[in-house]
Protein backbone atom coordinates (compact mmCIF):
# COMPACT_ATOMS: atom_id res chain seq x y z
CA MET A 1 -2.92 22.23 5.36
CA LYS A 2 -4.15 23.53 1.38
CA GLN A 3 -7.66 21.74 0.97
CA GLY A 4 -6.12 19.48 -2.05
CA GLY A 5 -3.31 17.48 0.53
CA TRP A 6 -4.04 14.98 2.72
CA ARG A 7 -2.00 14.09 4.78
CA GLY A 8 0.56 10.64 3.83
CA ALA A 9 -2.28 8.58 1.82
CA PHE A 10 0.72 6.90 0.70
CA GLY A 11 1.31 5.62 3.31
CA TRP A 12 -2.44 4.34 4.37
CA PHE A 13 -2.22 1.82 1.54
CA GLY A 14 -1.17 -0.66 3.77
CA LEU A 15 -4.06 -0.94 5.81
CA GLY A 16 -6.36 -0.24 2.45
CA LEU A 17 -4.56 -3.71 0.68
CA LEU A 18 -6.35 -5.59 4.09
CA LEU A 19 -9.31 -3.81 4.18
CA LEU A 20 -9.69 -4.92 0.18
CA ALA A 21 -8.63 -8.48 1.38
CA SER A 22 -10.98 -8.90 3.84
CA ALA A 23 -13.94 -7.51 2.26
CA GLY A 24 -13.49 -10.20 -0.61
CA PRO A 25 -15.86 -10.07 -3.14
CA ALA A 26 -16.93 -6.83 -2.06
CA ARG A 27 -14.85 -4.99 -5.74
CA ALA A 28 -16.11 -3.38 -7.53
CA ALA A 29 -18.85 -5.17 -10.20
CA ASP A 30 -18.94 -5.25 -13.46
CA THR A 31 -21.82 -3.44 -14.04
CA PRO A 32 -22.56 0.00 -12.01
CA PRO A 33 -24.72 -0.50 -9.11
CA ALA A 34 -27.61 0.87 -7.79
CA PRO A 35 -27.78 3.79 -6.92
CA ALA A 36 -27.02 3.80 -2.98
CA SER A 37 -29.19 5.79 -0.64
CA GLY A 38 -29.26 9.93 -1.01
CA VAL A 39 -27.00 9.59 -3.91
CA ALA A 40 -29.37 10.94 -7.48
CA SER A 41 -28.07 8.03 -9.58
CA ALA A 42 -25.64 5.56 -10.36
CA PRO A 43 -22.69 6.98 -13.10
CA PRO A 44 -22.74 5.03 -16.37
CA ALA A 45 -20.60 2.36 -17.66
CA ALA A 46 -18.38 4.63 -19.06
CA ALA A 47 -17.76 6.12 -16.21
CA CYS A 48 -16.36 3.07 -13.95
CA PRO A 49 -12.88 2.91 -13.44
CA PRO A 50 -11.23 -0.14 -16.00
CA ALA A 51 -12.09 -3.41 -14.73
CA THR A 52 -9.06 -5.26 -13.63
CA ALA A 53 -9.96 -8.60 -16.00
CA VAL A 54 -8.56 -12.05 -16.09
CA PRO A 55 -5.32 -11.94 -17.99
CA THR A 56 -4.78 -15.13 -20.95
CA ALA A 57 -3.21 -17.07 -21.57
CA ASP A 58 -0.99 -15.32 -23.92
CA GLN A 59 -0.31 -11.96 -21.54
CA ILE A 60 0.56 -14.15 -18.88
CA GLN A 61 3.59 -15.19 -21.11
CA ALA A 62 4.30 -12.37 -22.88
CA ALA A 63 4.44 -10.19 -19.74
CA GLN A 64 6.64 -13.05 -17.82
CA ARG A 65 9.15 -12.89 -21.66
CA GLU A 66 9.34 -8.88 -20.57
CA ALA A 67 10.24 -8.73 -17.01
CA ARG A 68 12.76 -6.70 -15.87
CA ASP A 69 13.62 -5.01 -12.79
CA ARG A 70 11.27 -2.75 -11.27
CA GLY A 71 11.45 -0.72 -7.64
CA PHE A 72 14.59 -0.51 -5.52
CA LEU A 73 16.92 -3.67 -4.55
CA TRP A 74 19.07 -3.59 -2.06
CA ARG A 75 21.67 -6.83 -1.17
CA ILE A 76 22.43 -6.50 3.09
CA SER A 77 25.46 -8.73 4.40
CA LYS A 78 26.59 -9.46 6.99
CA GLN A 79 28.56 -12.26 9.84
CA GLY A 80 29.27 -14.41 6.27
CA ARG A 81 24.99 -14.41 5.63
CA THR A 82 23.11 -12.49 2.72
CA SER A 83 19.58 -11.18 2.75
CA TYR A 84 17.74 -8.65 0.41
CA LEU A 85 15.43 -5.04 0.81
CA PHE A 86 13.54 -4.81 -1.79
CA GLY A 87 10.71 -1.50 -1.72
CA THR A 88 7.57 -2.06 -2.70
CA LEU A 89 4.44 -0.31 -4.35
CA HIS A 90 1.46 -0.80 -3.02
CA VAL A 91 -0.92 -1.28 -6.53
CA GLY A 92 0.69 -2.55 -9.70
CA LYS A 93 -0.22 -3.70 -12.77
CA LEU A 94 0.44 -7.38 -14.28
CA PRO A 95 3.28 -6.48 -16.11
CA TRP A 96 4.91 -6.45 -12.57
CA VAL A 97 4.20 -9.12 -11.85
CA PHE A 98 6.50 -10.89 -12.87
CA PRO A 99 10.47 -10.35 -11.29
CA GLY A 100 12.99 -9.73 -12.95
CA PRO A 101 16.55 -11.33 -12.08
CA ARG A 102 17.59 -9.63 -9.88
CA LEU A 103 14.76 -10.18 -7.74
CA ARG A 104 14.64 -13.64 -8.59
CA ALA A 105 18.14 -13.93 -7.36
CA ALA A 106 17.11 -12.71 -4.28
CA LEU A 107 14.17 -14.89 -4.03
CA ALA A 108 16.32 -18.01 -4.32
CA GLY A 109 18.66 -16.87 -2.08
CA THR A 110 16.75 -17.04 0.54
CA ASP A 111 14.43 -18.18 3.02
CA THR A 112 12.30 -15.47 3.92
CA LEU A 113 9.65 -13.19 3.60
CA ALA A 114 8.89 -10.49 5.66
CA LEU A 115 6.37 -7.57 5.21
CA GLU A 116 4.71 -4.82 7.17
CA LEU A 117 1.29 -6.65 7.46
CA ASP A 118 0.89 -10.52 5.65
CA VAL A 119 -2.91 -8.91 4.26
CA THR A 120 -3.09 -12.73 2.74
CA ASP A 121 -3.23 -14.48 6.48
CA PRO A 122 -6.16 -16.07 6.63
CA ASP A 123 -6.57 -15.03 10.94
CA LEU A 124 -6.40 -11.31 9.63
CA LEU A 125 -8.23 -11.04 6.63
CA ARG A 126 -11.15 -12.79 9.30
CA ASN A 127 -10.53 -11.00 12.15
CA PRO A 128 -9.34 -8.01 11.37
CA PRO A 129 -8.58 -5.74 14.03
CA ALA A 130 -12.08 -3.71 16.15
CA ALA A 131 -10.86 -0.13 14.97
CA ALA A 132 -11.50 -0.85 11.34
CA THR A 133 -15.10 -1.57 12.22
CA ALA A 134 -15.38 0.80 15.53
CA ALA A 135 -18.20 2.88 14.81
CA LEU A 136 -17.65 6.93 13.73
CA ALA A 137 -20.05 9.40 13.87
CA ILE A 138 -20.47 11.26 10.42
CA PRO A 139 -22.87 14.20 9.76
CA ASP A 140 -26.12 13.24 7.23
CA ALA A 141 -23.81 15.41 4.71
CA MET A 142 -20.32 13.59 4.63
CA ARG A 143 -22.37 10.28 5.04
CA THR A 144 -23.57 11.36 1.40
CA ARG A 145 -20.61 12.42 0.38
CA LEU A 146 -18.76 8.84 1.45
CA ALA A 147 -22.35 6.99 -0.47
CA ARG A 148 -21.38 8.86 -3.04
CA GLN A 149 -17.49 8.18 -3.79
CA VAL A 150 -18.69 4.79 -3.40
CA SER A 151 -21.24 5.21 -6.15
CA ALA A 152 -18.30 6.71 -8.36
CA ALA A 153 -16.09 3.82 -7.49
CA CYS A 154 -18.66 1.07 -8.91
CA LEU A 155 -19.31 -0.78 -6.03
CA PRO A 156 -22.67 -2.56 -4.64
CA GLU A 157 -24.11 0.07 -1.41
CA GLN A 158 -23.10 -2.06 0.86
CA ALA A 159 -19.84 -3.12 -0.50
CA LEU A 160 -18.03 -1.22 2.73
CA GLN A 161 -20.23 -0.66 4.84
CA LYS A 162 -18.94 -2.39 7.89
CA PHE A 163 -15.98 -0.93 8.07
CA ASN A 164 -15.13 2.39 9.45
CA PRO A 165 -16.05 5.41 7.11
CA LEU A 166 -12.24 6.86 7.21
CA MET A 167 -11.56 3.54 6.82
CA GLN A 168 -14.36 3.40 3.87
CA ALA A 169 -12.10 6.36 2.43
CA ILE A 170 -8.92 4.55 2.41
CA THR A 171 -10.36 1.85 0.51
CA LEU A 172 -12.14 4.28 -1.95
CA THR A 173 -8.48 5.57 -2.04
CA VAL A 174 -6.96 2.46 -2.81
CA LEU A 175 -9.44 1.43 -5.08
CA SER A 176 -9.19 4.89 -7.08
CA ALA A 177 -5.31 4.44 -8.59
CA ARG A 178 -7.51 1.80 -10.96
CA TRP A 179 -8.14 5.30 -12.63
CA GLU A 180 -4.18 5.28 -13.27
CA GLY A 181 -4.72 0.84 -14.95
CA LEU A 182 -3.18 -0.23 -10.75
CA ASP A 183 -4.34 -2.91 -8.99
CA ALA A 184 -4.28 -3.76 -5.53
CA ALA A 185 -4.25 -6.87 -6.66
CA PHE A 186 -0.68 -6.74 -8.50
CA ALA A 187 0.30 -5.27 -5.24
CA GLN A 188 4.13 -6.76 -4.82
CA GLU A 189 3.80 -7.36 -1.56
CA VAL A 190 0.09 -9.66 -1.99
CA VAL A 191 1.73 -10.96 -5.37
CA LEU A 192 5.37 -12.52 -3.08
CA ALA A 193 2.84 -13.42 -0.10
CA ASN A 194 0.40 -15.96 -2.58
CA ALA A 195 4.30 -16.83 -4.26
CA ALA A 196 5.10 -17.54 -0.52
CA ARG A 197 2.50 -19.63 0.75
CA ALA A 198 2.56 -21.94 -2.32
CA GLN A 199 5.76 -22.84 -1.61
CA GLN A 200 4.89 -22.98 2.34
CA ARG A 201 7.53 -20.48 3.14
CA PRO A 202 7.70 -18.50 6.20
CA ILE A 203 6.42 -14.83 6.39
CA ILE A 204 7.24 -12.45 9.59
CA ALA A 205 4.80 -9.14 9.61
CA LEU A 206 6.99 -6.46 10.98
CA GLU A 207 4.23 -5.06 12.06
CA SER A 208 0.93 -5.67 13.60
CA ALA A 209 -1.93 -4.62 12.11
CA GLN A 210 -3.27 -2.54 15.31
CA ALA A 211 -0.44 -1.02 15.95
CA GLN A 212 -0.95 0.29 12.19
CA MET A 213 -4.25 1.05 12.86
CA ALA A 214 -2.68 2.96 16.33
CA LEU A 215 -0.72 4.82 14.36
CA LEU A 216 -3.64 5.99 11.13
CA LEU A 217 -6.61 6.55 13.04
CA PRO A 218 -6.62 9.10 15.30
CA SER A 219 -8.40 8.71 19.12
CA ASP A 220 -9.85 11.62 18.60
CA PRO A 221 -13.59 10.85 16.37
CA GLU A 222 -13.17 15.08 15.34
CA GLU A 223 -10.25 14.78 14.17
CA ALA A 224 -10.69 11.41 12.43
CA ARG A 225 -13.79 13.47 10.62
CA HIS A 226 -11.24 15.84 9.91
CA LEU A 227 -8.86 13.88 7.82
CA LEU A 228 -12.20 11.72 6.71
CA ASP A 229 -13.28 15.61 4.90
CA GLN A 230 -10.24 15.57 3.34
CA ALA A 231 -9.94 12.20 2.24
CA LEU A 232 -13.39 13.23 0.15
CA ASP A 233 -11.92 15.91 -0.75
CA GLN A 234 -9.11 14.28 -2.30
CA LEU A 235 -11.48 12.40 -3.94
CA GLU A 236 -13.61 14.11 -5.28
CA ARG A 237 -11.65 17.00 -6.19
CA ASN A 238 -9.10 13.46 -8.52
CA ARG A 239 -6.44 14.82 -6.32
CA THR A 240 -5.20 11.14 -5.64
CA ARG A 241 -5.16 9.43 -9.79
CA PRO A 242 -2.51 12.26 -10.46
CA LEU A 243 0.36 11.90 -7.09
CA LEU A 244 -0.95 7.76 -7.77
CA ARG A 245 0.80 7.95 -11.54
CA ARG A 246 3.15 10.20 -10.26
CA LEU A 247 4.41 7.71 -6.95
CA ALA A 248 4.37 4.58 -10.37
CA ASP A 249 6.17 6.25 -12.76
CA ALA A 250 9.15 6.83 -10.38
CA TRP A 251 8.70 2.87 -9.26
CA ALA A 252 8.27 1.46 -12.02
CA ASP A 253 11.76 3.78 -12.97
CA GLY A 254 14.03 3.46 -10.25
CA ARG A 255 13.41 6.84 -9.69
CA LEU A 256 14.76 6.70 -6.06
CA SER A 257 15.31 10.60 -6.28
CA ASP A 258 11.43 11.25 -6.92
CA LEU A 259 10.79 9.66 -4.06
CA GLU A 260 13.95 11.38 -1.49
CA ASP A 261 11.38 13.95 -2.36
CA TYR A 262 8.53 13.43 -1.53
CA SER A 263 7.78 15.80 1.01
CA LYS A 264 8.11 18.53 -0.97
CA TRP A 265 5.60 17.10 -4.13
CA CYS A 266 2.70 14.95 -2.17
CA GLU A 267 0.85 18.43 -1.12
CA CYS A 268 1.00 16.26 2.37
CA ALA A 269 3.38 18.14 4.65
CA ASP A 270 2.92 22.07 4.11
CA THR A 271 2.68 22.68 7.77
CA ALA A 272 4.17 21.50 11.22
CA GLU A 273 1.50 19.05 12.15
CA ASP A 274 1.75 17.57 8.45
CA ARG A 275 5.53 17.28 8.84
CA ALA A 276 4.62 15.57 12.35
CA PHE A 277 2.25 13.62 10.75
CA LEU A 278 4.13 12.21 7.97
CA ARG A 279 7.36 11.04 10.11
CA ARG A 280 5.47 9.10 12.38
CA LEU A 281 4.15 7.66 9.28
CA ASN A 282 6.96 6.33 7.80
CA ASP A 283 10.23 7.12 9.17
CA ASP A 284 9.46 6.17 13.59
CA ARG A 285 8.50 3.29 11.63
CA ASN A 286 11.94 2.18 10.23
CA ALA A 287 13.16 1.51 13.06
CA PRO A 288 11.42 -1.08 14.63
CA MET A 289 11.26 -2.78 11.53
CA ALA A 290 15.85 -2.36 11.03
CA GLU A 291 15.42 -4.40 15.17
CA ARG A 292 13.38 -7.46 13.97
CA ILE A 293 15.33 -7.96 10.67
CA ASP A 294 18.68 -8.20 12.29
CA ALA A 295 16.62 -9.85 14.95
CA MET A 296 15.96 -12.58 11.42
CA HIS A 297 19.38 -12.30 10.39
CA ALA A 298 21.23 -12.82 13.69
CA GLN A 299 19.12 -16.13 14.05
CA GLY A 300 20.37 -17.04 11.16
CA LYS A 301 17.34 -16.61 8.32
CA ARG A 302 18.32 -14.92 5.37
CA VAL A 303 15.04 -12.92 4.58
CA LEU A 304 13.63 -10.21 1.82
CA VAL A 305 12.50 -7.42 3.13
CA ALA A 306 9.73 -6.34 0.72
CA VAL A 307 8.48 -3.03 2.39
CA GLY A 308 6.99 0.07 1.30
CA ALA A 309 9.71 1.97 -0.98
CA LEU A 310 9.45 5.12 1.27
CA HIS A 311 10.42 3.33 3.45
CA MET A 312 14.20 3.00 1.52
CA THR A 313 14.31 7.16 1.33
CA GLY A 314 15.78 9.38 3.90
CA GLU A 315 18.36 9.34 6.90
CA GLN A 316 15.91 7.08 8.78
CA GLY A 317 15.55 4.71 6.00
CA LEU A 318 15.92 1.00 6.09
CA PRO A 319 19.56 0.86 4.03
CA ARG A 320 21.09 3.59 6.15
CA LEU A 321 19.78 2.04 9.41
CA MET A 322 21.13 -1.71 8.10
CA ALA A 323 24.43 0.35 7.29
CA ALA A 324 24.70 1.69 10.41
CA ARG A 325 24.01 -1.41 11.96
CA GLY A 326 27.15 -2.79 10.94
CA TYR A 327 25.59 -4.31 7.42
CA SER A 328 27.48 -3.99 3.57
CA VAL A 329 24.43 -2.86 1.74
CA GLU A 330 25.12 -2.63 -2.38
CA ARG A 331 22.03 -1.04 -4.65
CA LEU A 332 21.19 -3.84 -6.91
CA VAL A 333 18.41 -2.34 -8.95
CA PRO A 334 18.28 0.65 -10.32
CA PRO A 335 21.84 -0.67 -10.33
């Protein structure tokens, strides 16, 4: 793999959202933190990513007035019932919080929300998977590099220390999106889950956090350290931000073809090993999700399925898998 690449970085975001949520107040500080141990100095305020301010009433009203459909939405029908597939981005902006007319109709026409993980589940937030906090021995030089990235993210020194170092790097990768005006607090999954809880609408997790951890975290400590080194390299060289910006622009503009070609420009599929990992990270998870969606639909549920947009791409994408299961599949957004 190229030194600048990190295998399937986009696919790690679900776990990054979980860690951000379970960390609670361990979010970006309004003022730069004190220097981390082994770090020369904390960044000045101007070096911190833009803080996400609580929106004003006027900003919320303007966003509601200007709401339009973004991302990717399909209607799937079978046995006289309709469900929906919504391809999401795991970070967002305030204007993206409010659904456009077609997504509003999908919400009104369904009774169940299905997510990869319910990152608002109180039990999950209180008890994240053990692997997230498992010890990983790393050299002092790598620990110093990690501390520098925590400081560069303007987090308190202790903010992420309860997590495994690789999971810290995943969380820092999610937080790096703030430089592009993207925040995990505005992720579609978070917004939809909070709305569903307010409406007492059932939320179904299509996967378990433990299963995702088993997939994403190498059991071999040496491989985990290798991935950590790659993640730190991308953060140090600001390589995550252009990737996140391109993904966000493609999502907001409904350019599904860009996501279909993700492996060609992500710098995460350069070797046979990387391509196999990307398949495990994305395509191989789709068939079990399709099976669960089909089972819920067969039970009479009308489901809005909101999962990462990459799960909608390719021959093993969810729209094609649902069509193979006998569903009528119609793409609604973009039209």
